[in-house]
Amino acid sequence: MLRFLRTPKFWNTEDSCLVKILDPVAELYSFISNIRLNSITPVKADVPVVCVGNVVLGGAGKTPTVELVCNLLREKFQNPHILTAGYGGYLKNVVRVDPKLHSYLQVGDEALLSANVAPTWVGRNRVNSGKAAVSCGADVLVMDDGFQNNSLEKDLKILVVDSKQAFGNGHLFPAGALRETPVTGVKKSDIVLVIGDRNEELENNIKAIKPAIPIFRARLDVISPVAVENNRIVGFCGLGYPQKFRKTLLECGYNLIDFVSFSDHHPYTITEIQKLINGAKSVDATLITTRKDFVKIPAVFKNEISVIEIKLVPEDDGFKTAILERIGSLG
């Protein structure tokens, strides 16, 4: 399944033979996806809907953006709720996530994180999830990863792009990491949030597609660094763009002895965790991962693993102003 796909190296290159071989398959994938999207008539929710999405398969930074957007919306709204498909979980019907009751196997790793930010609903049917949220008091909905889902009408669409990952090799899945072309993604967006270091080429490319679109910047700050006595660490994660976490660890000044990456939303086995713990001990290093990965670690091993806590910080107040000006008047 796509959510458990390990990012192939050729997704970051344009001249790979595999890219050329897979391009016809990518065109077919795009054609089928467009037919599916265009066959759906969006349903208008009873409250405003903010959609946070991207055009790549993973790693852009949607989860911390959803948290940021919820916090910003609280200036004008009392009760934001989050809607997510619950990727990685087996529950398909509409469920309100309870971190004390549900596991990542049921609702997915990202839903467990989101539930600590705002009431979170998982379910394949976003319309039904939205109705359930509104019936429980939601006065604004934040749709996590909904750019390729037309079931709900969106009042504000925020495109999230990682400044280094950008749009990968520019090719559609499976020849590249794109779920849709940057042109279609940017054109249907109202705001673009670029996460990471300044990338003028990326921003110019976005402006070339839609000149008037507002582009804002944000960075991921470490808010709870792990104290490591000898500064030696082994990092691991299962993310769509693992290089981002590796970069964070290096920027913290750690001596990164080893770094192990798994597929996005990877469900860790006991054997894998034992191997990671033993490997870190063998080189006298502390084992560190992300909060998203930590929720999938068996409880018996959690004391052996440390977590880096991060927070998305906008460059200025422009992002908040743009959201509240567009959505605040609808509440």
Protein backbone atom coordinates (compact mmCIF):
# COMPACT_ATOMS: atom_id res chain seq x y z
CA MET A 1 0.00 0.00 0.00
CA LEU A 2 1.13 3.58 -0.67
CA ARG A 3 1.24 4.52 2.98
CA PHE A 4 3.87 1.86 3.70
CA LEU A 5 6.03 2.66 0.69
CA ARG A 6 9.71 3.34 1.29
CA THR A 7 10.80 6.38 -0.68
CA PRO A 8 12.84 5.17 -3.69
CA LYS A 9 16.08 7.02 -4.40
CA PHE A 10 15.14 7.59 -8.04
CA TRP A 11 12.25 9.81 -6.90
CA ASN A 12 14.86 12.53 -6.39
CA THR A 13 16.42 12.22 -9.83
CA GLU A 14 15.05 13.08 -13.26
CA ASP A 15 17.38 11.06 -15.48
CA SER A 16 16.84 7.59 -14.00
CA CYS A 17 15.89 4.81 -16.40
CA LEU A 18 13.17 3.76 -13.96
CA VAL A 19 11.57 7.19 -14.23
CA LYS A 20 11.32 6.84 -18.01
CA ILE A 21 9.97 3.30 -17.73
CA LEU A 22 7.34 4.23 -15.16
CA ASP A 23 6.17 7.50 -16.73
CA PRO A 24 3.43 5.80 -18.83
CA VAL A 25 2.12 4.12 -15.67
CA ALA A 26 2.20 7.51 -13.93
CA GLU A 27 0.12 9.05 -16.70
CA LEU A 28 -2.46 6.27 -16.31
CA TYR A 29 -2.49 6.78 -12.54
CA SER A 30 -3.09 10.51 -13.06
CA PHE A 31 -5.85 9.89 -15.60
CA ILE A 32 -7.73 7.52 -13.28
CA SER A 33 -7.27 9.85 -10.29
CA ASN A 34 -8.66 12.81 -12.22
CA ILE A 35 -11.71 10.84 -13.32
CA ARG A 36 -12.38 9.86 -9.71
CA LEU A 37 -11.96 13.41 -8.39
CA ASN A 38 -14.07 15.01 -11.12
CA SER A 39 -16.90 12.53 -10.60
CA ILE A 40 -17.49 13.79 -7.04
CA THR A 41 -19.71 16.75 -6.19
CA PRO A 42 -18.41 18.37 -2.98
CA VAL A 43 -20.79 18.67 -0.03
CA LYS A 44 -21.01 21.99 1.81
CA ALA A 45 -20.45 21.60 5.56
CA ASP A 46 -22.40 23.60 8.16
CA VAL A 47 -19.16 25.21 9.39
CA PRO A 48 -16.03 26.54 7.63
CA VAL A 49 -13.56 23.94 6.33
CA VAL A 50 -9.81 24.52 6.16
CA CYS A 51 -7.88 21.95 4.13
CA VAL A 52 -4.19 21.31 4.74
CA GLY A 53 -2.64 19.23 1.97
CA ASN A 54 0.28 18.65 -0.34
CA VAL A 55 1.01 17.19 -3.75
CA VAL A 56 3.69 14.70 -2.69
CA LEU A 57 3.15 11.32 -1.07
CA GLY A 58 4.61 12.34 2.28
CA GLY A 59 7.10 14.38 4.23
CA ALA A 60 5.94 17.91 3.43
CA GLY A 61 4.95 18.71 7.01
CA LYS A 62 1.16 18.44 7.07
CA THR A 63 0.86 17.15 10.64
CA PRO A 64 2.69 20.06 12.35
CA THR A 65 0.87 22.45 10.01
CA VAL A 66 -2.51 21.07 11.10
CA GLU A 67 -1.50 21.68 14.72
CA LEU A 68 -0.39 25.23 13.91
CA VAL A 69 -3.59 26.01 11.99
CA CYS A 70 -5.79 24.71 14.83
CA ASN A 71 -3.96 26.91 17.33
CA LEU A 72 -4.26 29.97 15.08
CA LEU A 73 -7.97 29.38 14.47
CA ARG A 74 -8.65 29.44 18.20
CA GLU A 75 -8.30 33.22 18.07
CA LYS A 76 -11.66 33.37 16.25
CA PHE A 77 -13.21 29.93 16.90
CA GLN A 78 -14.03 28.08 20.08
CA ASN A 79 -13.89 24.47 18.97
CA PRO A 80 -11.82 23.40 15.92
CA HIS A 81 -12.01 19.71 15.07
CA ILE A 82 -9.64 17.72 12.84
CA LEU A 83 -10.73 15.32 10.11
CA THR A 84 -8.30 12.68 8.90
CA ALA A 85 -8.51 9.43 6.97
CA GLY A 86 -6.53 7.60 9.66
CA TYR A 87 -3.89 6.20 7.32
CA GLY A 88 -2.32 3.08 8.75
CA GLY A 89 -5.34 2.25 10.90
CA TYR A 90 -7.87 -0.46 10.23
CA LEU A 91 -10.98 1.38 11.46
CA LYS A 92 -12.90 2.61 8.43
CA ASN A 93 -16.11 3.95 9.97
CA VAL A 94 -16.32 7.37 11.61
CA VAL A 95 -14.62 7.34 15.01
CA ARG A 96 -13.61 10.10 17.41
CA VAL A 97 -10.04 9.33 18.42
CA ASP A 98 -9.32 8.69 22.08
CA PRO A 99 -5.56 8.27 22.73
CA LYS A 100 -6.36 6.39 25.95
CA LEU A 101 -8.61 3.95 24.13
CA HIS A 102 -7.29 3.65 20.58
CA SER A 103 -3.98 2.37 19.26
CA TYR A 104 -2.15 3.40 16.09
CA LEU A 105 -3.20 0.08 14.59
CA GLN A 106 -6.81 1.22 14.84
CA VAL A 107 -6.64 4.90 13.89
CA GLY A 108 -3.13 5.51 12.53
CA ASP A 109 -0.15 7.30 14.03
CA GLU A 110 -0.98 10.84 12.86
CA ALA A 111 -4.51 10.68 14.26
CA LEU A 112 -3.15 9.87 17.72
CA LEU A 113 -0.91 12.94 17.55
CA SER A 114 -3.73 15.15 16.27
CA ALA A 115 -6.05 14.05 19.07
CA ASN A 116 -3.72 15.78 21.53
CA VAL A 117 -4.17 19.05 19.60
CA ALA A 118 -7.94 19.09 18.98
CA PRO A 119 -10.85 16.62 18.81
CA THR A 120 -9.95 14.33 15.91
CA TRP A 121 -12.17 12.17 13.75
CA VAL A 122 -10.99 9.33 11.52
CA GLY A 123 -12.99 7.77 8.75
CA ARG A 124 -12.78 7.14 5.04
CA ASN A 125 -15.94 9.21 4.50
CA ARG A 126 -14.97 12.81 5.27
CA VAL A 127 -18.56 14.06 4.87
CA ASN A 128 -19.80 11.76 7.62
CA SER A 129 -16.79 12.65 9.77
CA GLY A 130 -17.59 16.33 9.33
CA LYS A 131 -21.23 15.84 10.28
CA ALA A 132 -20.22 13.91 13.39
CA ALA A 133 -17.77 16.64 14.39
CA VAL A 134 -20.36 19.39 13.95
CA SER A 135 -22.91 17.42 15.96
CA CYS A 136 -20.36 17.36 18.79
CA GLY A 137 -19.82 21.11 18.74
CA ALA A 138 -17.18 21.79 16.09
CA ASP A 139 -17.39 25.35 14.78
CA VAL A 140 -14.58 24.93 12.22
CA LEU A 141 -13.11 21.83 10.56
CA VAL A 142 -9.45 21.30 9.69
CA MET A 143 -9.13 18.66 7.01
CA ASP A 144 -5.78 16.87 7.20
CA ASP A 145 -4.56 15.72 3.79
CA GLY A 146 -7.58 16.53 1.65
CA PHE A 147 -6.20 17.93 -1.58
CA GLN A 148 -6.98 14.69 -3.39
CA ASN A 149 -10.39 14.33 -1.73
CA ASN A 150 -13.29 16.30 -3.19
CA SER A 151 -16.02 15.03 -0.87
CA LEU A 152 -16.15 18.21 1.26
CA GLU A 153 -16.25 21.76 -0.06
CA LYS A 154 -13.22 23.68 1.25
CA ASP A 155 -13.30 27.33 2.26
CA LEU A 156 -9.52 27.63 2.49
CA LYS A 157 -6.91 25.36 0.91
CA ILE A 158 -3.37 25.49 2.29
CA LEU A 159 -0.66 23.82 0.22
CA VAL A 160 2.30 22.66 2.33
CA VAL A 161 5.69 22.27 0.64
CA ASP A 162 9.02 21.30 2.17
CA SER A 163 11.67 23.70 0.87
CA LYS A 164 14.26 21.00 0.26
CA GLN A 165 12.02 18.18 -0.94
CA ALA A 166 10.01 20.62 -3.08
CA PHE A 167 8.22 18.54 -5.75
CA GLY A 168 10.79 15.75 -5.90
CA ASN A 169 11.83 14.84 -9.42
CA GLY A 170 8.69 16.45 -10.84
CA HIS A 171 7.12 13.16 -11.92
CA LEU A 172 3.85 11.58 -10.90
CA PHE A 173 3.63 8.37 -8.87
CA PRO A 174 5.09 5.79 -9.42
CA ALA A 175 7.76 7.55 -11.49
CA GLY A 176 8.04 10.14 -8.72
CA ALA A 177 6.53 11.22 -5.43
CA LEU A 178 3.81 13.44 -6.90
CA ARG A 179 0.16 12.62 -6.26
CA GLU A 180 -0.82 15.32 -8.73
CA THR A 181 1.10 17.85 -10.76
CA PRO A 182 2.40 21.03 -9.07
CA VAL A 183 0.36 23.01 -11.61
CA THR A 184 -2.98 21.53 -10.54
CA GLY A 185 -1.99 21.59 -6.86
CA VAL A 186 -0.95 25.24 -6.84
CA LYS A 187 -3.87 26.42 -8.97
CA LYS A 188 -6.46 25.06 -6.55
CA SER A 189 -4.61 26.41 -3.48
CA ASP A 190 -5.37 29.67 -1.69
CA ILE A 191 -2.17 29.81 0.38
CA VAL A 192 1.23 28.13 0.16
CA LEU A 193 3.28 27.42 3.28
CA VAL A 194 6.94 26.58 2.59
CA ILE A 195 8.64 24.79 5.48
CA GLY A 196 12.40 25.00 5.93
CA ASP A 197 15.18 27.15 4.53
CA ARG A 198 14.45 29.79 1.91
CA ASN A 199 14.24 28.33 -1.60
CA GLU A 200 13.81 31.16 -4.11
CA GLU A 201 13.73 28.81 -7.10
CA LEU A 202 10.83 26.88 -5.58
CA GLU A 203 8.92 30.06 -4.76
CA ASN A 204 9.51 31.45 -8.24
CA ASN A 205 8.19 28.22 -9.75
CA ILE A 206 5.06 28.48 -7.62
CA LYS A 207 4.54 32.13 -8.58
CA ALA A 208 4.97 31.21 -12.25
CA ILE A 209 1.95 28.92 -11.89
CA LYS A 210 -0.21 31.34 -9.87
CA PRO A 211 1.38 34.80 -9.60
CA ALA A 212 -1.00 36.24 -7.00
CA ILE A 213 -0.88 33.33 -4.54
CA PRO A 214 0.43 34.29 -1.08
CA ILE A 215 3.53 32.33 -0.04
CA PHE A 216 4.49 32.15 3.63
CA ARG A 217 7.43 30.49 5.34
CA ALA A 218 7.80 28.50 8.54
CA ARG A 219 10.48 26.49 10.28
CA LEU A 220 10.50 23.43 12.50
CA ASP A 221 12.01 24.29 15.88
CA VAL A 222 13.11 21.73 18.46
CA ILE A 223 11.23 22.55 21.66
CA SER A 224 12.38 19.63 23.82
CA PRO A 225 15.95 18.59 22.98
CA VAL A 226 17.15 15.32 24.47
CA ALA A 227 20.05 15.63 26.89
CA VAL A 228 22.68 13.07 25.88
CA GLU A 229 25.62 12.68 28.23
CA ASN A 230 28.22 11.65 25.65
CA ASN A 231 26.42 13.32 22.71
CA ARG A 232 26.40 10.05 20.73
CA ILE A 233 23.05 9.11 19.21
CA VAL A 234 21.41 6.71 16.79
CA GLY A 235 18.35 8.15 15.06
CA PHE A 236 15.51 6.31 13.37
CA CYS A 237 12.15 7.18 11.85
CA GLY A 238 9.44 6.06 9.46
CA LEU A 239 8.58 9.23 7.56
CA GLY A 240 7.82 10.14 3.97
CA TYR A 241 10.91 12.35 3.92
CA PRO A 242 13.32 10.96 6.55
CA GLN A 243 16.15 13.30 5.54
CA LYS A 244 14.28 16.10 7.29
CA PHE A 245 14.56 14.35 10.67
CA ARG A 246 18.20 13.47 10.05
CA LYS A 247 18.89 17.15 9.33
CA THR A 248 17.15 18.14 12.57
CA LEU A 249 19.33 15.78 14.59
CA LEU A 250 22.50 17.16 13.02
CA GLU A 251 21.37 20.74 13.61
CA CYS A 252 20.93 19.90 17.29
CA GLY A 253 24.67 19.24 17.40
CA TYR A 254 24.51 15.53 18.14
CA ASN A 255 27.21 13.10 17.06
CA LEU A 256 25.01 11.00 14.77
CA ILE A 257 26.60 7.55 14.82
CA ASP A 258 23.91 5.92 12.69
CA PHE A 259 20.56 6.77 11.13
CA VAL A 260 17.96 4.18 10.16
CA SER A 261 14.93 5.01 8.02
CA PHE A 262 11.79 2.96 7.45
CA SER A 263 8.78 3.41 5.17
CA ASP A 264 6.23 6.11 5.98
CA HIS A 265 3.79 5.01 8.73
CA HIS A 266 5.92 1.91 9.31
CA PRO A 267 4.43 -0.46 11.94
CA TYR A 268 7.43 -1.51 14.05
CA THR A 269 7.87 -5.12 15.06
CA ILE A 270 9.37 -6.25 18.37
CA THR A 271 12.32 -7.69 16.48
CA GLU A 272 13.03 -4.38 14.74
CA ILE A 273 12.89 -2.39 17.97
CA GLN A 274 15.11 -4.88 19.79
CA LYS A 275 17.63 -4.64 16.97
CA LEU A 276 17.62 -0.82 17.13
CA ILE A 277 18.06 -0.81 20.90
CA ASN A 278 20.87 -3.38 20.82
CA GLY A 279 22.57 -1.54 17.96
CA ALA A 280 22.54 1.75 19.87
CA LYS A 281 23.89 0.10 23.02
CA SER A 282 26.70 -1.57 21.07
CA VAL A 283 28.06 1.84 20.02
CA ASP A 284 27.32 3.51 23.37
CA ALA A 285 24.68 5.79 21.86
CA THR A 286 21.22 7.05 22.82
CA LEU A 287 18.36 5.94 20.56
CA ILE A 288 16.21 8.86 19.38
CA THR A 289 13.08 9.05 17.22
CA THR A 290 10.10 11.29 16.42
CA ARG A 291 6.84 11.59 18.35
CA LYS A 292 5.03 10.11 15.34
CA ASP A 293 7.19 6.99 15.53
CA PHE A 294 7.14 6.82 19.33
CA VAL A 295 3.38 6.17 19.42
CA LYS A 296 4.03 2.93 17.52
CA ILE A 297 6.69 1.59 19.90
CA PRO A 298 5.56 -1.29 22.18
CA ALA A 299 5.16 0.03 25.74
CA VAL A 300 7.78 -2.35 27.12
CA PHE A 301 10.49 -0.61 25.04
CA LYS A 302 9.49 3.05 25.44
CA ASN A 303 11.92 3.67 28.33
CA GLU A 304 14.78 2.68 26.00
CA ILE A 305 13.98 5.37 23.40
CA SER A 306 14.06 9.17 23.56
CA VAL A 307 11.89 11.57 21.57
CA ILE A 308 12.68 14.88 19.91
CA GLU A 309 9.76 17.30 20.22
CA ILE A 310 9.33 19.84 17.41
CA LYS A 311 7.01 22.76 16.71
CA LEU A 312 6.21 24.59 13.51
CA VAL A 313 6.91 28.33 13.83
CA PRO A 314 5.77 30.81 11.14
CA GLU A 315 8.30 33.37 9.94
CA ASP A 316 5.87 36.20 10.75
CA ASP A 317 2.19 36.95 11.45
CA GLY A 318 1.28 36.97 7.76
CA PHE A 319 0.20 33.33 7.76
CA LYS A 320 -2.14 33.82 10.72
CA THR A 321 -3.60 36.99 9.24
CA ALA A 322 -4.27 35.33 5.89
CA ILE A 323 -6.11 32.44 7.55
CA LEU A 324 -8.22 34.55 9.90
CA GLU A 325 -9.14 37.09 7.24
CA ARG A 326 -10.42 34.33 4.97
CA ILE A 327 -12.03 32.04 7.56
CA GLY A 328 -12.82 34.32 10.51
CA SER A 329 -15.64 36.06 8.66
CA LEU A 330 -17.33 32.71 7.96
CA GLY A 331 -17.65 31.65 11.58
